[in-house]
């Protein structure tokens, strides 16, 4: 770090003062401050954004940095058994500074998703930790199976009063009331992610905690398998006028009307999405099959603040891809600034431009010339049929208007080996 005044420079300036008097210089300029002089509170703010690898490197610098790194190493612990729970409780009860550093908690019920063994040990988690961890902002449940939840668990779970983000993944519940209670235990929830979540039966109960509206801004519903489950989720969550980002991956084609109704309710309450990521489950190959989502396009047109559109194309053959240009046509009046398409460019599409791709390219280059700032194309290669250089060359040559104006980003994603 450079400083405008060094001790030597200040001394020279004092001797050259025009009035012949010695200049009084503040002590700050005579003793430059280094990172070693910063108080612990500022050092914690400097170190907190670092990843674990960088944190381990910082721990080797000096004793002071090691103590900070050790504390921040517990900012996002993962508990996967009763033994890990008891050990972590012992640490945070003896070290309040470690407890105060914890911001996220990941509760993994079982290491193997295919196992059918129950995970009842998680019932102890909120009762043991809610009063020890005052700064928890995010909780994730993963691989939860065969747990008989009770009211004491939900009351203790609500003790994490500062939680604003909840993630539930790869979990099975006996009743839908269990998942609903888990969601509504956090009245300040602004981000909700549900991925590969299942429940076995409908339980006709009512609970006071379900009546308050959640201030959700981010909603992610990925690979929910059944239309009935989507129906219940949208009814639980209500209109959600605060939601700004919506992600739907592996979305069932049988539930597109439910999604359209949900989007209409959001708009009717004065809300508007700013970003949507949509990936329908269309995987039919070599069949004369055309699928579009006119209800989705009509509903999204009411979201006047929608600026970012992300689409995942699971099938690039002629027919099943028809929904992409159709949806782009429906959204021509919105002020889109960023459009992202994820796909796998196969040999057929690399050598021959199918009509659906041709229409998509045309709309990307003409419909939003006043507002569009970036188009991102992400290719996820399979095997080694097409070189990465060939993919970049093909995609950029088909969108010359965007490429010449540096509005086109072509990204090579993770390679799937066959």
Protein backbone atom coordinates (compact mmCIF):
# COMPACT_ATOMS: atom_id res chain seq x y z
CA UNK A 1 0.00 0.00 0.00
CA UNK A 2 1.43 3.42 -0.97
CA UNK A 3 0.94 6.53 1.10
CA UNK A 4 0.99 10.17 -0.09
CA UNK A 5 3.46 11.12 2.63
CA UNK A 6 6.44 9.19 3.92
CA UNK A 7 8.39 10.29 7.04
CA UNK A 8 11.33 11.39 4.85
CA UNK A 9 9.11 13.46 2.51
CA UNK A 10 7.30 15.11 5.39
CA UNK A 11 10.60 16.06 7.04
CA UNK A 12 11.86 17.60 3.76
CA UNK A 13 8.66 19.62 3.38
CA UNK A 14 8.98 20.89 6.95
CA UNK A 15 12.49 22.27 6.26
CA UNK A 16 11.29 24.08 3.10
CA UNK A 17 8.39 25.89 4.76
CA UNK A 18 8.28 29.49 3.48
CA UNK A 19 7.63 31.14 6.83
CA UNK A 20 10.68 29.56 8.44
CA UNK A 21 8.62 27.71 11.04
CA UNK A 22 8.54 23.98 11.50
CA UNK A 23 5.42 22.35 10.06
CA UNK A 24 3.40 20.24 12.51
CA UNK A 25 2.62 16.91 10.80
CA UNK A 26 -0.05 14.53 12.14
CA UNK A 27 1.24 11.29 13.57
CA UNK A 28 -0.74 9.32 10.94
CA UNK A 29 1.63 10.44 8.18
CA UNK A 30 4.76 9.65 10.19
CA UNK A 31 3.78 6.02 10.96
CA UNK A 32 2.19 4.30 7.94
CA UNK A 33 -0.51 1.71 8.76
CA UNK A 34 -0.07 -1.85 7.51
CA UNK A 35 -2.45 -4.80 7.52
CA UNK A 36 -0.83 -6.00 10.74
CA UNK A 37 -2.03 -2.84 12.48
CA UNK A 38 -5.70 -3.35 11.58
CA UNK A 39 -8.06 -4.36 14.41
CA UNK A 40 -9.46 -7.87 14.45
CA UNK A 41 -12.95 -6.71 13.43
CA UNK A 42 -11.60 -5.28 10.15
CA UNK A 43 -9.43 -8.33 9.49
CA UNK A 44 -12.49 -10.57 9.81
CA UNK A 45 -14.23 -8.50 7.12
CA UNK A 46 -11.16 -8.77 4.86
CA UNK A 47 -10.86 -12.56 5.27
CA UNK A 48 -14.55 -13.51 5.22
CA UNK A 49 -15.03 -13.54 1.39
CA UNK A 50 -12.04 -15.90 0.90
CA UNK A 51 -12.56 -19.52 -0.12
CA UNK A 52 -11.30 -22.41 2.00
CA UNK A 53 -8.06 -22.87 0.02
CA UNK A 54 -7.13 -19.21 0.45
CA UNK A 55 -8.08 -19.39 4.11
CA UNK A 56 -5.70 -22.31 4.67
CA UNK A 57 -2.91 -20.34 3.01
CA UNK A 58 -3.58 -17.34 5.26
CA UNK A 59 -3.43 -19.58 8.32
CA UNK A 60 0.25 -20.28 7.56
CA UNK A 61 1.30 -16.60 7.60
CA UNK A 62 1.37 -15.84 11.32
CA UNK A 63 -0.25 -16.73 14.64
CA UNK A 64 -2.72 -13.85 14.44
CA UNK A 65 -3.91 -14.79 10.97
CA UNK A 66 -4.16 -18.45 11.97
CA UNK A 67 -6.57 -17.64 14.79
CA UNK A 68 -8.77 -15.66 12.39
CA UNK A 69 -8.67 -18.39 9.73
CA UNK A 70 -9.54 -21.09 12.27
CA UNK A 71 -12.56 -19.12 13.39
CA UNK A 72 -13.80 -18.48 9.85
CA UNK A 73 -13.26 -22.14 8.91
CA UNK A 74 -16.48 -22.84 10.82
CA UNK A 75 -18.58 -20.26 8.98
CA UNK A 76 -20.42 -22.97 6.96
CA UNK A 77 -20.19 -26.35 8.77
CA UNK A 78 -21.73 -29.56 7.42
CA UNK A 79 -23.31 -31.99 9.87
CA UNK A 80 -23.89 -35.52 8.58
CA UNK A 81 -24.33 -37.67 11.70
CA UNK A 82 -25.12 -37.48 15.38
CA UNK A 83 -21.38 -37.74 16.15
CA UNK A 84 -20.62 -34.66 14.00
CA UNK A 85 -23.49 -32.82 15.70
CA UNK A 86 -22.23 -33.56 19.21
CA UNK A 87 -18.66 -32.66 18.30
CA UNK A 88 -19.69 -29.36 16.73
CA UNK A 89 -21.90 -28.50 19.72
CA UNK A 90 -18.91 -29.04 22.00
CA UNK A 91 -16.73 -26.68 19.93
CA UNK A 92 -19.20 -23.79 19.66
CA UNK A 93 -20.22 -24.04 23.33
CA UNK A 94 -16.57 -23.64 24.40
CA UNK A 95 -15.66 -21.00 21.79
CA UNK A 96 -18.26 -18.20 21.45
CA UNK A 97 -16.13 -16.45 18.81
CA UNK A 98 -16.43 -19.55 16.58
CA UNK A 99 -20.18 -19.69 17.17
CA UNK A 100 -20.55 -16.04 16.18
CA UNK A 101 -18.67 -16.65 12.92
CA UNK A 102 -21.09 -19.34 11.67
CA UNK A 103 -23.29 -17.95 8.89
CA UNK A 104 -24.57 -21.08 7.11
CA UNK A 105 -25.50 -24.56 8.31
CA UNK A 106 -25.66 -27.64 6.06
CA UNK A 107 -27.50 -30.65 7.52
CA UNK A 108 -26.91 -33.81 5.49
CA UNK A 109 -29.08 -36.63 6.72
CA UNK A 110 -27.19 -39.50 5.07
CA UNK A 111 -24.11 -39.84 2.92
CA UNK A 112 -25.75 -42.17 0.37
CA UNK A 113 -28.93 -40.93 -1.31
CA UNK A 114 -29.93 -44.44 -2.46
CA UNK A 115 -29.97 -45.68 1.11
CA UNK A 116 -33.41 -46.03 2.68
CA UNK A 117 -32.15 -45.75 6.26
CA UNK A 118 -33.98 -43.13 8.36
CA UNK A 119 -32.17 -40.05 9.63
CA UNK A 120 -33.85 -39.25 12.99
CA UNK A 121 -30.72 -37.63 14.44
CA UNK A 122 -31.58 -34.35 12.69
CA UNK A 123 -34.45 -33.87 15.16
CA UNK A 124 -31.80 -32.85 17.72
CA UNK A 125 -30.18 -30.16 15.54
CA UNK A 126 -32.35 -27.07 16.18
CA UNK A 127 -32.77 -27.76 19.89
CA UNK A 128 -29.02 -28.02 20.40
CA UNK A 129 -27.84 -25.26 18.07
CA UNK A 130 -30.48 -22.52 17.70
CA UNK A 131 -29.38 -20.73 20.89
CA UNK A 132 -25.64 -21.29 20.24
CA UNK A 133 -25.50 -19.86 16.70
CA UNK A 134 -26.97 -16.32 16.75
CA UNK A 135 -25.80 -15.26 13.26
CA UNK A 136 -27.09 -18.09 11.03
CA UNK A 137 -28.38 -16.68 7.72
CA UNK A 138 -28.69 -19.83 5.60
CA UNK A 139 -29.79 -23.43 6.30
CA UNK A 140 -29.63 -26.37 3.89
CA UNK A 141 -31.23 -29.80 4.40
CA UNK A 142 -29.93 -32.61 2.20
CA UNK A 143 -30.78 -36.34 1.96
CA UNK A 144 -33.45 -36.34 4.67
CA UNK A 145 -35.28 -39.66 4.86
CA UNK A 146 -37.80 -41.35 7.15
CA UNK A 147 -38.03 -38.67 9.84
CA UNK A 148 -41.15 -38.33 12.00
CA UNK A 149 -41.16 -34.60 12.68
CA UNK A 150 -42.99 -33.15 15.68
CA UNK A 151 -44.10 -29.72 16.84
CA UNK A 152 -41.13 -29.27 19.21
CA UNK A 153 -38.81 -29.54 16.22
CA UNK A 154 -40.62 -26.77 14.32
CA UNK A 155 -40.63 -24.48 17.38
CA UNK A 156 -36.90 -25.03 17.90
CA UNK A 157 -36.21 -24.56 14.17
CA UNK A 158 -37.91 -21.16 14.37
CA UNK A 159 -35.23 -20.22 16.92
CA UNK A 160 -32.92 -19.46 13.97
CA UNK A 161 -34.55 -16.05 13.72
CA UNK A 162 -32.09 -14.51 11.24
CA UNK A 163 -32.38 -17.18 8.53
CA UNK A 164 -33.20 -15.70 5.12
CA UNK A 165 -32.18 -18.62 2.85
CA UNK A 166 -33.48 -22.21 2.91
CA UNK A 167 -32.39 -25.08 0.64
CA UNK A 168 -33.95 -28.56 0.68
CA UNK A 169 -32.45 -31.14 -1.69
CA UNK A 170 -32.80 -34.86 -2.41
CA UNK A 171 -35.18 -35.45 0.50
CA UNK A 172 -38.34 -37.44 1.14
CA UNK A 173 -41.04 -36.48 3.63
CA UNK A 174 -43.90 -38.57 4.98
CA UNK A 175 -46.42 -35.73 4.66
CA UNK A 176 -46.61 -32.44 2.79
CA UNK A 177 -47.19 -30.64 6.12
CA UNK A 178 -43.59 -31.49 7.07
CA UNK A 179 -42.17 -29.58 4.11
CA UNK A 180 -44.65 -26.77 4.58
CA UNK A 181 -43.70 -26.39 8.25
CA UNK A 182 -40.03 -26.36 7.33
CA UNK A 183 -40.57 -23.52 4.85
CA UNK A 184 -42.78 -21.38 7.09
CA UNK A 185 -40.59 -21.79 10.19
CA UNK A 186 -38.57 -18.83 8.83
CA UNK A 187 -40.85 -15.77 8.48
CA UNK A 188 -38.00 -13.65 7.07
CA UNK A 189 -37.21 -16.05 4.22
CA UNK A 190 -36.08 -14.27 1.04
CA UNK A 191 -34.55 -17.24 -0.85
CA UNK A 192 -36.05 -20.74 -1.20
CA UNK A 193 -34.57 -23.65 -3.17
CA UNK A 194 -36.33 -27.02 -3.49
CA UNK A 195 -34.62 -29.67 -5.61
CA UNK A 196 -35.61 -33.35 -5.98
CA UNK A 197 -37.99 -33.14 -3.02
CA UNK A 198 -40.76 -35.73 -2.59
CA UNK A 199 -43.52 -36.37 -0.09
CA UNK A 200 -45.72 -39.42 0.29
CA UNK A 201 -49.17 -38.30 1.40
CA UNK A 202 -51.46 -35.33 1.84
CA UNK A 203 -52.13 -34.43 5.46
CA UNK A 204 -55.16 -32.23 6.06
CA UNK A 205 -53.89 -30.04 8.87
CA UNK A 206 -53.78 -26.34 9.60
CA UNK A 207 -51.07 -24.39 11.37
CA UNK A 208 -50.90 -20.69 12.37
CA UNK A 209 -47.38 -20.31 10.97
CA UNK A 210 -48.68 -21.03 7.47
CA UNK A 211 -50.83 -17.87 7.43
CA UNK A 212 -48.07 -15.28 7.15
CA UNK A 213 -46.76 -14.32 3.71
CA UNK A 214 -43.08 -14.90 2.99
CA UNK A 215 -41.00 -11.99 1.60
CA UNK A 216 -39.39 -14.26 -1.01
CA UNK A 217 -37.20 -12.62 -3.64
CA UNK A 218 -35.57 -15.79 -5.06
CA UNK A 219 -37.55 -18.99 -5.75
CA UNK A 220 -35.94 -22.11 -7.23
CA UNK A 221 -38.04 -25.22 -7.91
CA UNK A 222 -35.93 -27.88 -9.61
CA UNK A 223 -36.92 -31.39 -10.65
CA UNK A 224 -40.18 -31.51 -8.72
CA UNK A 225 -41.65 -34.70 -10.18
CA UNK A 226 -45.41 -34.34 -10.03
CA UNK A 227 -48.06 -31.86 -11.18
CA UNK A 228 -49.88 -32.22 -7.86
CA UNK A 229 -46.74 -31.23 -5.96
CA UNK A 230 -46.35 -28.08 -8.08
CA UNK A 231 -50.00 -27.28 -7.45
CA UNK A 232 -49.59 -27.50 -3.67
CA UNK A 233 -46.32 -25.53 -3.68
CA UNK A 234 -47.80 -22.63 -5.64
CA UNK A 235 -50.86 -22.59 -3.35
CA UNK A 236 -48.70 -22.57 -0.22
CA UNK A 237 -46.55 -19.71 -1.42
CA UNK A 238 -49.45 -17.52 -2.58
CA UNK A 239 -49.04 -14.55 -4.92
CA UNK A 240 -45.49 -13.56 -3.84
CA UNK A 241 -45.40 -9.98 -5.20
CA UNK A 242 -41.84 -9.66 -3.85
CA UNK A 243 -40.28 -12.42 -5.98
CA UNK A 244 -37.65 -11.15 -8.43
CA UNK A 245 -35.82 -14.30 -9.56
CA UNK A 246 -37.49 -17.56 -10.56
CA UNK A 247 -35.67 -20.77 -11.52
CA UNK A 248 -37.48 -23.84 -12.85
CA UNK A 249 -35.25 -26.72 -13.98
CA UNK A 250 -36.70 -30.02 -15.13
CA UNK A 251 -40.13 -28.43 -15.13
CA UNK A 252 -42.96 -30.82 -15.96
CA UNK A 253 -44.75 -30.08 -19.20
CA UNK A 254 -47.99 -31.18 -17.53
CA UNK A 255 -47.83 -28.25 -15.08
CA UNK A 256 -47.21 -25.28 -17.42
CA UNK A 257 -50.75 -23.97 -16.80
CA UNK A 258 -50.05 -23.89 -13.05
CA UNK A 259 -46.93 -21.83 -13.66
CA UNK A 260 -48.86 -19.41 -15.87
CA UNK A 261 -51.49 -18.93 -13.16
CA UNK A 262 -48.80 -18.28 -10.56
CA UNK A 263 -47.14 -15.67 -12.79
CA UNK A 264 -50.49 -13.96 -13.40
CA UNK A 265 -51.11 -13.76 -9.63
CA UNK A 266 -47.69 -12.17 -9.08
CA UNK A 267 -48.41 -9.53 -11.73
CA UNK A 268 -51.92 -8.87 -10.38
CA UNK A 269 -50.40 -8.05 -6.97
CA UNK A 270 -48.11 -5.48 -8.56
CA UNK A 271 -45.01 -7.69 -8.66
CA UNK A 272 -42.69 -8.44 -11.55
CA UNK A 273 -39.90 -10.89 -12.19
CA UNK A 274 -36.51 -9.49 -13.13
CA UNK A 275 -34.93 -12.85 -14.04
CA UNK A 276 -36.30 -16.26 -14.99
CA UNK A 277 -34.45 -19.49 -15.77
CA UNK A 278 -36.63 -22.12 -17.42
CA UNK A 279 -35.81 -25.68 -18.47
CA UNK A 280 -38.80 -27.87 -19.42
CA UNK A 281 -38.63 -31.65 -19.55
CA UNK A 282 -38.85 -32.17 -23.31
CA UNK A 283 -36.61 -35.11 -24.19
CA UNK A 284 -38.42 -36.81 -27.08
CA UNK A 285 -36.16 -37.64 -30.01
CA UNK A 286 -36.89 -38.57 -33.62
CA UNK A 287 -40.63 -38.04 -33.30
CA UNK A 288 -42.91 -35.52 -35.06
CA UNK A 289 -43.55 -33.71 -31.80
CA UNK A 290 -44.02 -29.94 -31.42
CA UNK A 291 -44.46 -28.39 -27.98
CA UNK A 292 -44.89 -24.72 -27.15
CA UNK A 293 -45.94 -22.84 -24.03
CA UNK A 294 -48.29 -20.03 -25.12
CA UNK A 295 -49.69 -19.67 -21.59
CA UNK A 296 -46.19 -19.04 -20.23
CA UNK A 297 -45.46 -16.37 -22.83
CA UNK A 298 -48.74 -14.55 -22.15
CA UNK A 299 -48.11 -14.60 -18.40
CA UNK A 300 -44.49 -13.43 -18.64
CA UNK A 301 -45.50 -10.50 -20.85
CA UNK A 302 -47.16 -8.96 -17.79
CA UNK A 303 -43.82 -8.81 -15.97
CA UNK A 304 -42.69 -5.46 -17.29
CA UNK A 305 -39.42 -5.39 -15.34
CA UNK A 306 -38.12 -8.70 -16.71
CA UNK A 307 -34.55 -8.03 -17.84
CA UNK A 308 -32.88 -11.45 -17.88
CA UNK A 309 -34.07 -14.62 -19.62
CA UNK A 310 -32.24 -17.95 -19.25
CA UNK A 311 -33.44 -20.99 -21.18
CA UNK A 312 -32.06 -24.53 -21.05
CA UNK A 313 -32.69 -26.51 -24.25
CA UNK A 314 -32.73 -30.24 -23.56
CA UNK A 315 -33.63 -31.29 -27.10
CA UNK A 316 -32.29 -29.47 -30.17
CA UNK A 317 -34.03 -31.56 -32.80
CA UNK A 318 -36.59 -30.06 -35.14
CA UNK A 319 -39.99 -30.03 -33.47
CA UNK A 320 -39.22 -30.32 -29.75
CA UNK A 321 -37.18 -27.10 -29.94
CA UNK A 322 -40.13 -25.12 -31.31
CA UNK A 323 -40.93 -23.71 -27.86
CA UNK A 324 -37.75 -21.56 -27.86
CA UNK A 325 -38.49 -19.19 -30.81
CA UNK A 326 -42.17 -19.24 -29.84
CA UNK A 327 -41.38 -17.98 -26.34
CA UNK A 328 -38.97 -15.35 -27.69
CA UNK A 329 -41.72 -14.07 -29.99
CA UNK A 330 -44.15 -13.78 -27.07
CA UNK A 331 -41.65 -11.67 -25.09
CA UNK A 332 -40.75 -9.20 -27.85
CA UNK A 333 -42.27 -6.24 -25.94
CA UNK A 334 -40.23 -6.72 -22.75
CA UNK A 335 -37.02 -4.74 -22.05
CA UNK A 336 -34.72 -7.77 -22.04
CA UNK A 337 -31.05 -6.90 -21.50
CA UNK A 338 -29.54 -10.40 -21.19
CA UNK A 339 -30.58 -13.67 -22.84
CA UNK A 340 -28.76 -16.91 -22.05
CA UNK A 341 -29.25 -20.26 -23.79
CA UNK A 342 -27.79 -23.55 -22.49
CA UNK A 343 -27.63 -26.54 -24.85
CA UNK A 344 -25.49 -29.25 -26.40
CA UNK A 345 -24.61 -28.54 -30.02
CA UNK A 346 -24.64 -31.88 -31.82
CA UNK A 347 -23.19 -32.81 -35.21
CA UNK A 348 -26.50 -32.39 -37.02
CA UNK A 349 -27.05 -28.84 -35.78
CA UNK A 350 -23.42 -27.93 -36.36
CA UNK A 351 -23.60 -28.84 -40.06
CA UNK A 352 -27.22 -27.95 -40.83
CA UNK A 353 -29.23 -25.03 -39.47
CA UNK A 354 -32.69 -26.35 -38.59
CA UNK A 355 -35.65 -23.92 -38.98
CA UNK A 356 -36.14 -23.50 -35.21
CA UNK A 357 -32.50 -22.50 -34.72
CA UNK A 358 -32.65 -20.15 -37.69
CA UNK A 359 -35.71 -18.40 -36.23
CA UNK A 360 -34.10 -18.23 -32.80
CA UNK A 361 -30.97 -16.60 -34.22
CA UNK A 362 -33.05 -14.10 -36.17
CA UNK A 363 -35.05 -13.04 -33.13
CA UNK A 364 -31.93 -12.68 -30.99
CA UNK A 365 -30.46 -10.24 -33.51
CA UNK A 366 -33.55 -8.15 -34.27
CA UNK A 367 -36.18 -8.08 -31.52
CA UNK A 368 -34.43 -6.23 -28.68
CA UNK A 369 -31.96 -3.91 -30.42
CA UNK A 370 -32.80 -1.02 -28.09
CA UNK A 371 -32.40 -2.92 -24.80
CA UNK A 372 -30.32 -6.07 -25.37
CA UNK A 373 -26.76 -5.85 -24.04
CA UNK A 374 -25.57 -9.45 -23.98
CA UNK A 375 -26.39 -12.90 -25.35
CA UNK A 376 -24.70 -15.88 -23.68
CA UNK A 377 -24.56 -19.27 -25.41
CA UNK A 378 -23.27 -22.13 -23.25
CA UNK A 379 -22.44 -25.41 -24.99
CA UNK A 380 -22.14 -28.53 -22.82
CA UNK A 381 -20.09 -30.95 -24.93
CA UNK A 382 -20.73 -34.68 -24.97
CA UNK A 383 -17.74 -36.82 -25.87
CA UNK A 384 -15.34 -35.46 -28.48
CA UNK A 385 -17.53 -35.31 -31.56
CA UNK A 386 -17.06 -31.55 -31.97
CA UNK A 387 -13.97 -29.59 -31.00
CA UNK A 388 -14.45 -26.55 -28.79
CA UNK A 389 -12.95 -24.31 -31.48
CA UNK A 390 -15.44 -25.63 -34.04
CA UNK A 391 -18.36 -24.90 -31.71
CA UNK A 392 -17.21 -21.32 -31.16
CA UNK A 393 -16.70 -20.81 -34.90
CA UNK A 394 -20.17 -22.16 -35.77
CA UNK A 395 -22.06 -20.16 -33.14
CA UNK A 396 -20.32 -16.84 -33.78
CA UNK A 397 -20.78 -17.16 -37.56
CA UNK A 398 -24.53 -17.58 -37.12
CA UNK A 399 -24.93 -14.42 -35.01
CA UNK A 400 -22.78 -11.86 -36.87
CA UNK A 401 -24.71 -8.79 -35.68
CA UNK A 402 -24.12 -9.67 -32.01
CA UNK A 403 -20.56 -10.87 -32.55
CA UNK A 404 -19.42 -7.71 -34.37
CA UNK A 405 -20.81 -5.52 -31.57
CA UNK A 406 -19.17 -7.65 -28.85
CA UNK A 407 -22.55 -8.58 -27.42
CA UNK A 408 -22.05 -12.35 -27.82
CA UNK A 409 -20.41 -14.64 -25.26
CA UNK A 410 -19.82 -18.28 -26.21
CA UNK A 411 -18.95 -20.49 -23.26
CA UNK A 412 -17.85 -24.13 -23.22
CA UNK A 413 -19.44 -25.80 -20.22
CA UNK A 414 -18.62 -29.01 -18.39
CA UNK A 415 -17.90 -31.92 -20.70
CA UNK A 416 -19.99 -35.08 -20.39
CA UNK A 417 -17.91 -38.13 -21.31
CA UNK A 418 -19.57 -41.09 -23.04
